[in-house]
Amino acid sequence: MFILGAGCWGATLASIYAQKGFKIELWEANKERFRYLIKHRHPKYYNFIKLPKSVSITNELEKLYYYPIIMLAIPSVYVRETLEKIKNLNIKDKTFISCTKGLEINTLKTPSQIINEVLSINYKNILTFSGPSHAEEVALKKPTAIILAGKNPKLLKELQRLLSTEFLRIYINSDIIGVEIAGAIKNIYAIAAGICDGLQLGNNAKSSLLTRALKEMLLIGKILGGNPKTFIGLAGLGDLLTTSYSRFSRNRNFGEYLATYKDIKKAKQKIKTSIEGLFTLKAIYKLSKNKLIELPIVEELYKIVYKNKNPQNSIKTLLSRKLKKEFYGYQI
């Protein structure tokens, strides 16, 4: 198995599957991280990850040619750029598993759609790995349930068996687009949840926010072609809860820092690594304007992050909206 991306999640996957007996090669483009990894150490903020010596470390993309299964675990903003570098390799028969959560800002395409487009790989050989699965807990072998989604039932069942472990339980789902959309957009609402925490608004406010966030996720998912059931399962509600409550969540932590410091640059500096929700927020805000759909939480969060609106004023805006039925305007 070749894993593209040695960040927190990619390195965790390399560790657990090397321990299961897979031959693993882990690719890292960043020179500083690569120097750490070749000593089988990870940068200090991932010190909970223990890479077995059996994991091969590389900075050569061409080596993926020799592996039947390729996992993509890089930030969504680099997916197309990275795939462009390997499109001339003869890899159309490979199995690609996307472990990336995010959408391409300009096109709103999911990682699987970009893989299909850039590499001309048939969708029967493309899958996505998503759900409530913070790497910090998976690396420590804490019980986790996750979704493996794709359009090839035989391949799904085979990989479900191969990739499951005694602590990682895998469910399968045929709605690959819905799973990817859910995994991407929940990061937006995790930032909002972090702002709730930073402002010490309490559990009532946070629970209300996340319930209404799920309503917006269902609406976005329907527009982008996902199955509504996916959004009330592990890939949607499950991942939303984990990302919005966990101390390991970069998106939630960013929101809390933003509320505390009231400065986006300072908040970013505290996180150190990629904050996927910021990219996805731009994409979904653009979608809401193009499609003329009402996404009040997205609207206010965009104004807080990119237009410096005071979060307290956004709360007032949300609470003063026209009163309506709870299930007004959408159906599951």
Protein backbone atom coordinates (compact mmCIF):
# COMPACT_ATOMS: atom_id res chain seq x y z
CA MET A 1 0.00 0.00 0.00
CA PHE A 2 1.33 3.44 -0.99
CA ILE A 3 0.13 6.36 1.14
CA LEU A 4 0.25 9.84 -0.36
CA GLY A 5 0.71 12.26 2.53
CA ALA A 6 2.48 11.74 5.84
CA GLY A 7 0.50 14.19 7.90
CA CYS A 8 -1.34 13.18 11.04
CA TRP A 9 -3.86 10.89 9.31
CA GLY A 10 -1.56 9.48 6.64
CA ALA A 11 1.11 8.53 9.18
CA THR A 12 -1.51 6.97 11.45
CA LEU A 13 -2.84 4.82 8.61
CA ALA A 14 0.73 3.81 7.72
CA SER A 15 1.36 2.78 11.33
CA ILE A 16 -1.78 0.69 11.90
CA TYR A 17 -1.63 -1.11 8.54
CA ALA A 18 2.09 -1.82 8.81
CA GLN A 19 1.32 -3.42 12.16
CA LYS A 20 -1.37 -5.49 10.44
CA GLY A 21 1.21 -6.82 7.99
CA PHE A 22 0.75 -4.63 4.92
CA LYS A 23 3.83 -3.54 2.99
CA ILE A 24 3.65 0.25 3.38
CA GLU A 25 5.45 3.09 1.63
CA LEU A 26 4.71 6.57 2.96
CA TRP A 27 5.25 9.63 0.77
CA GLU A 28 6.03 13.10 2.12
CA ALA A 29 6.79 16.14 -0.05
CA ASN A 30 7.72 18.56 2.73
CA LYS A 31 11.52 18.47 3.20
CA GLU A 32 11.49 19.20 6.92
CA ARG A 33 8.91 16.52 7.67
CA PHE A 34 10.74 14.08 5.40
CA ARG A 35 13.94 14.49 7.48
CA TYR A 36 11.98 13.57 10.61
CA LEU A 37 10.26 10.64 8.97
CA ILE A 38 13.34 8.90 7.58
CA LYS A 39 14.42 8.54 11.22
CA HIS A 40 10.99 7.04 11.89
CA ARG A 41 10.07 10.00 14.02
CA HIS A 42 7.22 12.35 13.34
CA PRO A 43 7.21 16.12 13.90
CA LYS A 44 6.80 16.95 17.59
CA TYR A 45 3.09 17.82 17.35
CA TYR A 46 2.40 14.25 16.19
CA ASN A 47 4.48 12.58 18.89
CA PHE A 48 1.72 10.06 19.64
CA ILE A 49 2.42 8.32 16.29
CA LYS A 50 4.94 5.49 16.37
CA LEU A 51 5.99 4.51 12.87
CA PRO A 52 7.15 0.90 12.64
CA LYS A 53 10.56 0.39 11.05
CA SER A 54 8.88 -1.69 8.36
CA VAL A 55 7.31 1.49 6.91
CA SER A 56 9.34 2.76 3.97
CA ILE A 57 9.62 6.55 3.72
CA THR A 58 9.94 8.22 0.32
CA ASN A 59 9.72 11.58 -1.41
CA GLU A 60 9.50 9.97 -4.86
CA LEU A 61 5.98 9.87 -6.29
CA GLU A 62 6.97 7.44 -9.03
CA LYS A 63 7.24 4.60 -6.50
CA LEU A 64 3.47 4.35 -6.21
CA TYR A 65 3.52 2.51 -9.55
CA TYR A 66 4.60 -0.65 -7.70
CA TYR A 67 1.61 -0.78 -5.32
CA PRO A 68 -1.93 -2.02 -6.12
CA ILE A 69 -3.60 0.14 -3.45
CA ILE A 70 -2.96 3.88 -3.14
CA MET A 71 -4.32 5.95 -0.25
CA LEU A 72 -4.67 9.69 -0.74
CA ALA A 73 -4.20 11.53 2.59
CA ILE A 74 -3.22 15.07 1.68
CA PRO A 75 -5.08 18.38 2.25
CA SER A 76 -7.82 18.94 -0.33
CA VAL A 77 -6.17 22.09 -1.71
CA TYR A 78 -3.22 19.99 -2.93
CA VAL A 79 -5.15 17.04 -4.38
CA ARG A 80 -5.33 18.15 -8.02
CA GLU A 81 -1.75 19.49 -8.01
CA THR A 82 -0.41 16.19 -6.65
CA LEU A 83 -2.44 14.02 -9.02
CA GLU A 84 -1.27 16.05 -12.00
CA LYS A 85 2.29 14.94 -11.16
CA ILE A 86 1.43 11.25 -11.50
CA LYS A 87 -1.11 11.26 -14.34
CA ASN A 88 1.45 10.09 -16.90
CA LEU A 89 2.23 6.94 -14.93
CA ASN A 90 0.43 3.78 -16.03
CA ILE A 91 -1.84 3.52 -12.98
CA LYS A 92 -5.35 3.18 -14.44
CA ASP A 93 -5.72 -0.29 -12.91
CA LYS A 94 -4.82 0.84 -9.37
CA THR A 95 -7.28 1.05 -6.49
CA PHE A 96 -7.42 4.59 -5.07
CA ILE A 97 -8.79 5.23 -1.59
CA SER A 98 -9.32 8.89 -0.77
CA CYS A 99 -8.78 9.72 2.91
CA THR A 100 -9.02 13.45 2.24
CA LYS A 101 -11.92 15.52 3.58
CA GLY A 102 -12.60 18.65 1.58
CA LEU A 103 -13.90 20.12 -1.68
CA GLU A 104 -12.07 21.91 -4.46
CA ILE A 105 -12.95 25.57 -3.93
CA ASN A 106 -13.41 26.65 -7.55
CA THR A 107 -15.21 23.54 -8.84
CA LEU A 108 -16.83 22.06 -5.70
CA LYS A 109 -15.55 18.68 -6.84
CA THR A 110 -14.83 15.95 -4.31
CA PRO A 111 -11.48 14.11 -4.17
CA SER A 112 -12.95 11.04 -5.90
CA GLN A 113 -14.23 13.20 -8.75
CA ILE A 114 -10.80 14.80 -9.14
CA ILE A 115 -9.12 11.37 -9.13
CA ASN A 116 -11.53 10.21 -11.83
CA GLU A 117 -10.99 13.34 -13.90
CA VAL A 118 -7.22 13.75 -13.66
CA LEU A 119 -6.13 10.11 -13.69
CA SER A 120 -8.96 8.70 -15.85
CA ILE A 121 -9.47 5.95 -13.29
CA ASN A 122 -12.82 4.18 -13.44
CA TYR A 123 -15.10 4.85 -10.48
CA LYS A 124 -15.24 1.13 -9.73
CA ASN A 125 -11.62 1.45 -8.55
CA ILE A 126 -12.13 4.60 -6.44
CA LEU A 127 -13.23 4.56 -2.81
CA THR A 128 -13.32 7.00 0.09
CA PHE A 129 -12.50 6.49 3.77
CA SER A 130 -14.36 8.84 6.10
CA GLY A 131 -16.23 9.25 9.38
CA PRO A 132 -15.60 10.15 13.04
CA SER A 133 -11.94 9.14 13.16
CA HIS A 134 -9.50 11.55 14.78
CA ALA A 135 -6.02 10.22 14.03
CA GLU A 136 -4.90 10.87 17.60
CA GLU A 137 -7.35 8.26 18.90
CA VAL A 138 -6.92 5.78 16.04
CA ALA A 139 -3.13 5.88 16.55
CA LEU A 140 -3.70 4.97 20.21
CA LYS A 141 -5.97 2.10 19.09
CA LYS A 142 -9.10 3.48 20.70
CA PRO A 143 -12.39 1.99 19.37
CA THR A 144 -13.46 3.70 16.15
CA ALA A 145 -16.14 3.15 13.49
CA ILE A 146 -15.58 4.50 10.00
CA ILE A 147 -17.15 4.42 6.54
CA LEU A 148 -15.61 2.96 3.39
CA ALA A 149 -17.65 4.14 0.41
CA GLY A 150 -17.57 3.26 -3.27
CA LYS A 151 -19.55 1.98 -6.24
CA ASN A 152 -17.99 -1.49 -6.53
CA PRO A 153 -19.75 -3.85 -4.04
CA LYS A 154 -17.24 -6.68 -4.47
CA LEU A 155 -14.23 -4.40 -3.89
CA LEU A 156 -15.95 -2.71 -0.94
CA LYS A 157 -16.52 -6.01 0.85
CA GLU A 158 -12.99 -7.21 0.13
CA LEU A 159 -11.39 -4.03 1.48
CA GLN A 160 -13.80 -3.89 4.41
CA ARG A 161 -12.39 -7.23 5.49
CA LEU A 162 -8.76 -6.32 4.78
CA LEU A 163 -8.77 -2.89 6.40
CA SER A 164 -10.79 -3.64 9.53
CA THR A 165 -8.83 -4.21 12.74
CA GLU A 166 -9.74 -5.19 16.29
CA PHE A 167 -10.25 -1.50 17.15
CA LEU A 168 -11.25 -0.04 13.75
CA ARG A 169 -14.69 -1.22 12.61
CA ILE A 170 -15.51 -0.44 8.98
CA TYR A 171 -19.01 -0.04 7.56
CA ILE A 172 -19.57 0.16 3.81
CA ASN A 173 -21.72 2.63 1.88
CA SER A 174 -22.42 2.99 -1.85
CA ASP A 175 -22.97 6.77 -1.64
CA ILE A 176 -19.36 7.85 -2.22
CA ILE A 177 -20.27 11.44 -3.16
CA GLY A 178 -22.52 11.89 -0.13
CA VAL A 179 -19.84 10.53 2.21
CA GLU A 180 -17.25 12.91 0.76
CA ILE A 181 -19.57 15.92 0.95
CA ALA A 182 -20.46 15.15 4.57
CA GLY A 183 -16.80 14.73 5.52
CA ALA A 184 -15.95 18.06 3.94
CA ILE A 185 -18.75 20.31 5.12
CA LYS A 186 -18.85 19.18 8.76
CA ASN A 187 -15.56 21.05 9.20
CA ILE A 188 -17.37 24.34 8.59
CA TYR A 189 -19.72 23.72 11.49
CA ALA A 190 -16.91 22.51 13.74
CA ILE A 191 -15.40 26.00 13.42
CA ALA A 192 -18.73 27.48 14.49
CA ALA A 193 -18.85 25.04 17.42
CA GLY A 194 -15.39 26.19 18.46
CA ILE A 195 -16.59 29.79 18.44
CA CYS A 196 -19.41 28.71 20.79
CA ASP A 197 -16.81 27.22 23.12
CA GLY A 198 -14.57 30.26 22.92
CA LEU A 199 -17.44 32.57 23.81
CA GLN A 200 -18.58 30.17 26.58
CA LEU A 201 -22.13 30.12 25.24
CA GLY A 202 -22.97 26.85 26.95
CA ASN A 203 -24.31 23.44 25.95
CA ASN A 204 -27.78 24.68 24.94
CA ALA A 205 -26.32 26.97 22.32
CA LYS A 206 -23.83 24.43 21.00
CA SER A 207 -26.40 21.63 20.73
CA SER A 208 -28.83 23.97 18.97
CA LEU A 209 -26.12 25.09 16.58
CA LEU A 210 -25.13 21.54 15.64
CA THR A 211 -28.74 20.43 15.15
CA ARG A 212 -29.35 23.32 12.78
CA ALA A 213 -25.98 22.61 11.17
CA LEU A 214 -27.20 19.11 10.33
CA LYS A 215 -30.20 20.70 8.60
CA GLU A 216 -27.83 22.76 6.44
CA MET A 217 -25.67 19.71 5.73
CA LEU A 218 -28.72 17.80 4.48
CA LEU A 219 -29.62 20.68 2.17
CA ILE A 220 -26.08 21.02 0.78
CA GLY A 221 -25.80 17.26 0.34
CA LYS A 222 -29.05 17.06 -1.60
CA ILE A 223 -27.96 19.83 -3.98
CA LEU A 224 -24.58 18.21 -4.59
CA GLY A 225 -26.02 14.73 -5.21
CA GLY A 226 -25.68 12.95 -1.87
CA ASN A 227 -28.17 10.55 -0.26
CA PRO A 228 -29.87 12.22 2.76
CA LYS A 229 -29.47 9.02 4.81
CA THR A 230 -25.70 9.39 4.58
CA PHE A 231 -25.86 12.66 6.51
CA ILE A 232 -27.55 11.13 9.54
CA GLY A 233 -24.99 8.31 9.72
CA LEU A 234 -21.33 8.03 10.63
CA ALA A 235 -20.06 10.16 7.74
CA GLY A 236 -22.43 13.01 8.57
CA LEU A 237 -23.79 13.29 12.11
CA GLY A 238 -21.07 11.05 13.56
CA ASP A 239 -18.21 13.06 12.10
CA LEU A 240 -19.95 16.36 12.89
CA LEU A 241 -20.16 15.47 16.59
CA THR A 242 -16.59 14.25 16.86
CA THR A 243 -15.14 17.24 15.04
CA SER A 244 -17.24 19.71 17.02
CA TYR A 245 -16.44 18.37 20.49
CA SER A 246 -12.96 16.85 20.35
CA ARG A 247 -9.91 18.63 21.75
CA PHE A 248 -8.01 17.08 18.81
CA SER A 249 -10.17 18.89 16.22
CA ARG A 250 -8.18 21.51 14.33
CA ASN A 251 -11.36 23.11 13.03
CA ARG A 252 -13.04 23.31 16.45
CA ASN A 253 -9.82 24.57 18.04
CA PHE A 254 -9.44 27.21 15.34
CA GLY A 255 -12.96 28.47 16.06
CA GLU A 256 -12.22 28.67 19.77
CA TYR A 257 -8.97 30.56 19.18
CA LEU A 258 -10.74 32.89 16.76
CA ALA A 259 -13.34 33.73 19.40
CA THR A 260 -10.63 34.21 22.01
CA TYR A 261 -8.11 36.28 20.04
CA LYS A 262 -10.55 37.85 17.53
CA ASP A 263 -7.73 37.63 14.99
CA ILE A 264 -7.68 35.04 12.19
CA LYS A 265 -3.89 35.15 11.81
CA LYS A 266 -3.28 34.44 15.50
CA ALA A 267 -5.85 31.64 15.44
CA LYS A 268 -4.15 30.03 12.42
CA GLN A 269 -0.74 30.27 14.08
CA LYS A 270 -2.02 28.33 17.08
CA ILE A 271 -3.15 25.41 14.91
CA LYS A 272 0.09 24.96 12.89
CA THR A 273 -1.43 22.53 10.35
CA SER A 274 -4.05 22.74 7.57
CA ILE A 275 -7.56 23.90 8.59
CA GLU A 276 -9.78 22.26 5.98
CA GLY A 277 -12.92 24.04 7.11
CA LEU A 278 -11.59 27.42 5.99
CA PHE A 279 -11.26 26.27 2.38
CA THR A 280 -14.61 24.47 2.42
CA LEU A 281 -16.35 27.50 3.94
CA LYS A 282 -15.38 29.57 0.89
CA ALA A 283 -16.64 26.89 -1.47
CA ILE A 284 -20.00 26.41 0.25
CA TYR A 285 -20.57 30.14 0.68
CA LYS A 286 -20.04 30.49 -3.08
CA LEU A 287 -22.49 27.61 -3.67
CA SER A 288 -25.15 29.26 -1.50
CA LYS A 289 -24.92 32.45 -3.53
CA ASN A 290 -24.89 30.71 -6.91
CA LYS A 291 -27.82 28.42 -6.05
CA LEU A 292 -29.69 31.01 -3.97
CA ILE A 293 -30.03 28.65 -1.03
CA GLU A 294 -30.41 29.79 2.56
CA LEU A 295 -27.55 28.66 4.81
CA PRO A 296 -27.67 31.02 7.80
CA ILE A 297 -24.79 29.45 9.75
CA VAL A 298 -22.52 29.39 6.70
CA GLU A 299 -23.48 33.00 5.95
CA GLU A 300 -22.61 34.27 9.42
CA LEU A 301 -19.47 32.19 9.79
CA TYR A 302 -18.19 33.50 6.46
CA LYS A 303 -18.74 37.07 7.67
CA ILE A 304 -16.92 36.32 10.95
CA VAL A 305 -13.92 34.69 9.27
CA TYR A 306 -13.54 36.74 6.10
CA LYS A 307 -15.27 40.05 6.86
CA ASN A 308 -14.29 40.47 10.53
CA LYS A 309 -17.85 40.50 11.81
CA ASN A 310 -18.08 40.33 15.60
CA PRO A 311 -19.29 36.82 16.56
CA GLN A 312 -21.68 38.31 19.13
CA ASN A 313 -23.37 40.26 16.34
CA SER A 314 -23.66 37.08 14.27
CA ILE A 315 -25.38 35.37 17.19
CA LYS A 316 -27.88 38.22 17.37
CA THR A 317 -28.48 37.91 13.62
CA LEU A 318 -29.15 34.17 13.87
CA LEU A 319 -31.46 34.50 16.88
CA SER A 320 -33.48 37.34 15.34
CA ARG A 321 -34.30 35.56 12.09
CA LYS A 322 -37.96 35.10 11.16
CA LEU A 323 -39.63 32.48 13.35
CA LYS A 324 -40.64 29.29 11.54
CA LYS A 325 -41.42 25.57 11.84
CA GLU A 326 -38.49 23.34 12.78
CA PHE A 327 -38.66 21.26 9.60
CA TYR A 328 -39.56 24.14 7.28
CA GLY A 329 -38.20 23.81 3.76
CA TYR A 330 -36.47 20.40 3.78
CA GLN A 331 -37.22 16.71 3.99
CA ILE A 332 -35.20 13.59 4.75
